[in-house]
Protein backbone atom coordinates (compact mmCIF):
# COMPACT_ATOMS: atom_id res chain seq x y z
CA MET A 1 -12.32 17.92 -35.92
CA ALA A 2 -11.31 15.60 -33.03
CA GLN A 3 -13.51 15.57 -30.09
CA PRO A 4 -11.91 17.44 -26.94
CA THR A 5 -10.58 14.96 -24.44
CA SER A 6 -9.78 15.26 -20.64
CA ARG A 7 -6.10 16.29 -20.18
CA THR A 8 -6.18 15.29 -16.48
CA ALA A 9 -5.23 11.82 -15.07
CA PRO A 10 -7.77 11.61 -12.16
CA THR A 11 -6.26 8.63 -10.29
CA VAL A 12 -8.10 9.01 -7.06
CA MET A 13 -11.55 9.16 -8.81
CA ALA A 14 -10.54 6.17 -11.01
CA VAL A 15 -9.62 4.09 -7.80
CA TRP A 16 -12.91 5.33 -6.28
CA LEU A 17 -14.90 4.28 -9.54
CA VAL A 18 -13.54 0.81 -9.20
CA ILE A 19 -14.21 0.35 -5.52
CA ALA A 20 -17.67 1.97 -5.78
CA GLY A 21 -18.33 -0.27 -9.04
CA VAL A 22 -17.30 -3.46 -7.08
CA ILE A 23 -19.47 -2.66 -4.01
CA GLY A 24 -22.39 -1.45 -6.05
CA TRP A 25 -22.15 -4.67 -8.28
CA TRP A 26 -21.97 -7.02 -5.18
CA ALA A 27 -24.98 -5.30 -3.46
CA ALA A 28 -26.92 -5.81 -6.88
CA PHE A 29 -25.74 -9.27 -7.09
CA SER A 30 -26.70 -10.24 -3.57
CA LEU A 31 -30.17 -8.65 -4.02
CA THR A 32 -30.70 -10.66 -7.30
CA MET A 33 -29.83 -13.88 -5.52
CA GLU A 34 -32.30 -12.65 -2.73
CA LYS A 35 -34.86 -12.40 -5.68
CA PHE A 36 -34.14 -15.84 -7.04
CA HIS A 37 -34.55 -17.23 -3.46
CA ALA A 38 -37.74 -15.67 -3.00
CA LEU A 39 -39.23 -16.95 -6.35
CA ALA A 40 -37.74 -20.39 -5.61
CA ASN A 41 -39.14 -20.37 -2.07
CA PRO A 42 -42.34 -18.28 -1.90
CA GLY A 43 -43.34 -17.06 1.59
CA GLU A 44 -39.71 -17.79 2.98
CA ALA A 45 -37.94 -14.64 4.56
CA ALA A 46 -34.77 -13.51 2.82
CA SER A 47 -31.63 -13.63 4.53
CA CYS A 48 -31.42 -9.87 4.71
CA ASP A 49 -34.84 -9.73 6.57
CA PHE A 50 -33.73 -8.59 9.95
CA SER A 51 -37.09 -6.96 11.18
CA PRO A 52 -40.21 -5.37 9.79
CA LEU A 53 -38.08 -2.03 9.42
CA VAL A 54 -34.88 -3.45 8.16
CA GLN A 55 -35.60 -6.08 5.40
CA CYS A 56 -35.23 -6.72 1.63
CA SER A 57 -38.47 -8.71 1.03
CA LYS A 58 -40.90 -5.88 1.00
CA ASN A 59 -38.81 -3.77 -1.25
CA LEU A 60 -38.24 -6.54 -3.70
CA ASP A 61 -41.89 -7.58 -3.84
CA SER A 62 -43.21 -4.11 -4.46
CA TRP A 63 -43.83 -2.58 -7.73
CA GLN A 64 -41.15 -0.06 -6.95
CA GLY A 65 -38.68 -3.00 -7.11
CA SER A 66 -39.38 -3.83 -10.58
CA VAL A 67 -40.10 -0.28 -12.13
CA PHE A 68 -38.87 -1.30 -15.70
CA GLY A 69 -40.70 -4.71 -15.59
CA PHE A 70 -37.89 -6.71 -14.23
CA PRO A 71 -36.10 -6.64 -10.87
CA ASN A 72 -34.14 -3.36 -10.18
CA PRO A 73 -30.92 -5.35 -9.11
CA ILE A 74 -30.52 -6.28 -12.75
CA LEU A 75 -29.92 -2.66 -13.72
CA GLY A 76 -26.97 -2.73 -11.00
CA LEU A 77 -25.56 -5.84 -12.27
CA THR A 78 -25.13 -4.29 -15.63
CA GLY A 79 -24.85 -0.67 -14.69
CA TRP A 80 -21.96 -0.89 -12.00
CA VAL A 81 -19.71 -2.52 -14.77
CA ALA A 82 -19.32 0.84 -16.35
CA PRO A 83 -17.62 2.67 -13.42
CA ILE A 84 -15.20 -0.48 -12.96
CA VAL A 85 -14.28 -0.41 -16.64
CA VAL A 86 -13.86 3.26 -16.77
CA GLY A 87 -11.87 3.48 -13.66
CA VAL A 88 -9.57 0.67 -14.72
CA ALA A 89 -9.19 2.24 -18.16
CA ILE A 90 -8.04 5.54 -16.59
CA LEU A 91 -5.61 3.75 -14.43
CA ALA A 92 -4.29 2.05 -17.61
CA GLY A 93 -3.75 5.58 -19.11
CA ALA A 94 -6.82 5.87 -21.21
CA ARG A 95 -8.14 9.13 -22.23
CA PHE A 96 -11.65 9.71 -23.26
CA ALA A 97 -13.51 12.08 -25.59
CA ARG A 98 -16.00 14.56 -24.35
CA TRP A 99 -18.88 12.70 -25.95
CA PHE A 100 -17.89 9.62 -23.80
CA TRP A 101 -17.70 11.57 -20.67
CA VAL A 102 -21.00 13.13 -21.17
CA CYS A 103 -22.80 9.80 -21.75
CA PHE A 104 -20.96 8.35 -18.78
CA TRP A 105 -22.07 11.10 -16.55
CA ALA A 106 -25.82 10.79 -17.96
CA GLY A 107 -25.74 7.09 -16.80
CA ILE A 108 -24.39 8.13 -13.46
CA ALA A 109 -27.08 11.02 -13.17
CA PHE A 110 -29.91 8.68 -14.06
CA ALA A 111 -28.52 6.22 -11.33
CA PHE A 112 -28.30 9.25 -8.71
CA ALA A 113 -32.04 10.36 -9.65
CA PHE A 114 -33.22 6.65 -9.49
CA VAL A 115 -31.64 6.08 -6.16
CA CYS A 116 -33.01 9.40 -4.88
CA TRP A 117 -36.56 8.24 -5.87
CA LEU A 118 -35.95 4.94 -4.46
CA ILE A 119 -34.86 6.41 -1.02
CA THR A 120 -38.12 8.49 -0.94
CA GLN A 121 -40.29 5.35 -1.82
CA SER A 122 -38.46 3.18 0.64
CA ILE A 123 -38.74 5.68 3.68
CA PHE A 124 -42.20 7.32 2.86
CA VAL A 125 -44.15 4.74 1.10
CA LEU A 126 -42.83 1.24 1.85
CA GLY A 127 -41.64 2.03 5.34
CA THR A 128 -38.44 -0.20 5.22
CA LEU A 129 -34.71 0.06 4.98
CA CYS A 130 -33.38 -2.43 2.68
CA PRO A 131 -29.79 -3.31 3.73
CA TRP A 132 -28.35 -3.91 0.19
CA CYS A 133 -30.36 -1.11 -1.05
CA MET A 134 -28.71 1.15 1.29
CA VAL A 135 -25.35 -0.20 0.22
CA THR A 136 -26.28 0.98 -3.29
CA TRP A 137 -27.33 4.35 -2.05
CA ALA A 138 -24.02 4.83 -0.19
CA VAL A 139 -21.89 4.31 -3.22
CA THR A 140 -24.11 6.03 -5.84
CA ILE A 141 -24.27 9.41 -4.16
CA PRO A 142 -20.52 10.05 -3.85
CA THR A 143 -19.82 8.59 -7.38
CA PHE A 144 -22.40 11.19 -8.60
CA TYR A 145 -20.67 13.97 -7.00
CA VAL A 146 -17.16 12.86 -8.07
CA VAL A 147 -18.05 12.41 -11.69
CA THR A 148 -20.13 15.73 -11.91
CA ILE A 149 -17.41 17.76 -10.32
CA HIS A 150 -14.67 16.13 -12.54
CA LEU A 151 -16.49 17.16 -15.64
CA PHE A 152 -16.30 20.90 -14.57
CA ARG A 153 -12.60 20.84 -13.23
CA ALA A 154 -11.35 19.08 -16.30
CA GLY A 155 -13.07 21.28 -18.82
CA ILE A 156 -15.11 18.65 -20.18
CA VAL A 157 -18.14 20.97 -19.76
CA PRO A 158 -17.06 24.25 -21.04
CA ALA A 159 -16.57 26.56 -18.00
CA SER A 160 -14.31 29.70 -17.14
CA SER A 161 -11.07 28.95 -15.41
CA GLY A 162 -12.64 30.26 -12.14
CA VAL A 163 -15.29 27.61 -12.44
CA ARG A 164 -12.60 25.01 -13.07
CA ARG A 165 -10.61 26.07 -10.08
CA GLY A 166 -13.59 26.18 -7.98
CA ALA A 167 -14.54 22.64 -9.06
CA GLU A 168 -10.89 21.57 -8.13
CA LYS A 169 -11.34 22.84 -4.55
CA LEU A 170 -14.89 21.34 -4.49
CA MET A 171 -13.56 18.02 -5.19
CA GLY A 172 -11.90 18.06 -1.74
CA TRP A 173 -15.29 18.52 -0.11
CA VAL A 174 -16.90 15.34 -1.76
CA PRO A 175 -16.60 13.56 1.65
CA LEU A 176 -18.24 16.14 3.59
CA LEU A 177 -21.05 16.52 0.92
CA THR A 178 -21.48 12.64 1.10
CA VAL A 179 -21.59 12.72 4.81
CA ALA A 180 -24.17 15.49 4.65
CA SER A 181 -26.18 13.47 2.26
CA TYR A 182 -26.17 10.37 4.48
CA ALA A 183 -27.26 12.55 7.31
CA LEU A 184 -30.11 13.90 5.45
CA ILE A 185 -31.36 10.39 4.63
CA ALA A 186 -30.91 9.44 8.21
CA ILE A 187 -32.90 12.24 9.49
CA MET A 188 -35.62 11.61 7.11
CA ALA A 189 -35.63 7.82 8.18
CA GLN A 190 -35.73 8.85 11.83
CA VAL A 191 -38.58 11.34 11.55
CA ARG A 192 -40.68 8.95 9.43
CA LEU A 193 -39.86 5.71 10.80
CA ASP A 194 -38.45 6.19 14.25
CA VAL A 195 -35.43 3.98 13.38
CA LEU A 196 -33.75 4.36 16.84
CA GLY A 197 -36.89 3.72 18.73
CA ALA A 198 -37.48 0.51 16.35
CA LEU A 199 -33.89 -0.73 16.89
CA PHE A 200 -33.36 0.16 20.71
């Protein structure tokens, strides 16, 4: 029996996947270059080191910056290719089997969980805000929301028609959900690090 496929053509989501993928990949590339620079020039500040609070070096040099034995940005260099490819394929008219969407979502969910962990480590342990890391956070969060909601609205995750209609309506709230998530991060950073006091 053939695998069920999505019958929707999520054009807006596809465009977002391409945009988010390009932005996320560029952030990962920039951080990778900063790591290479640090290895070639020990002790020299990175170009994204603006202050003790806003910097990349402390994050890159920490064990949290190489959780799997290699610099975290390498995950981004490889991982962000997937949303770009999927987005372009959808725009070209491709339809994917349910197993593909589940695997794609699993990758996005891992990225979301990993980013959430890195946010807490950055704010509560390292006490820094890495500019390129924050760019990655900014695109990973809405991407997770969009893909997760799409799985329900398209029937990829078995659900009642009511749940699917609810998911369709919820998709329009993704910008608000995203802003609320950013606000939560900003509040945590302010409470823990006094960002406004440090900057002004």
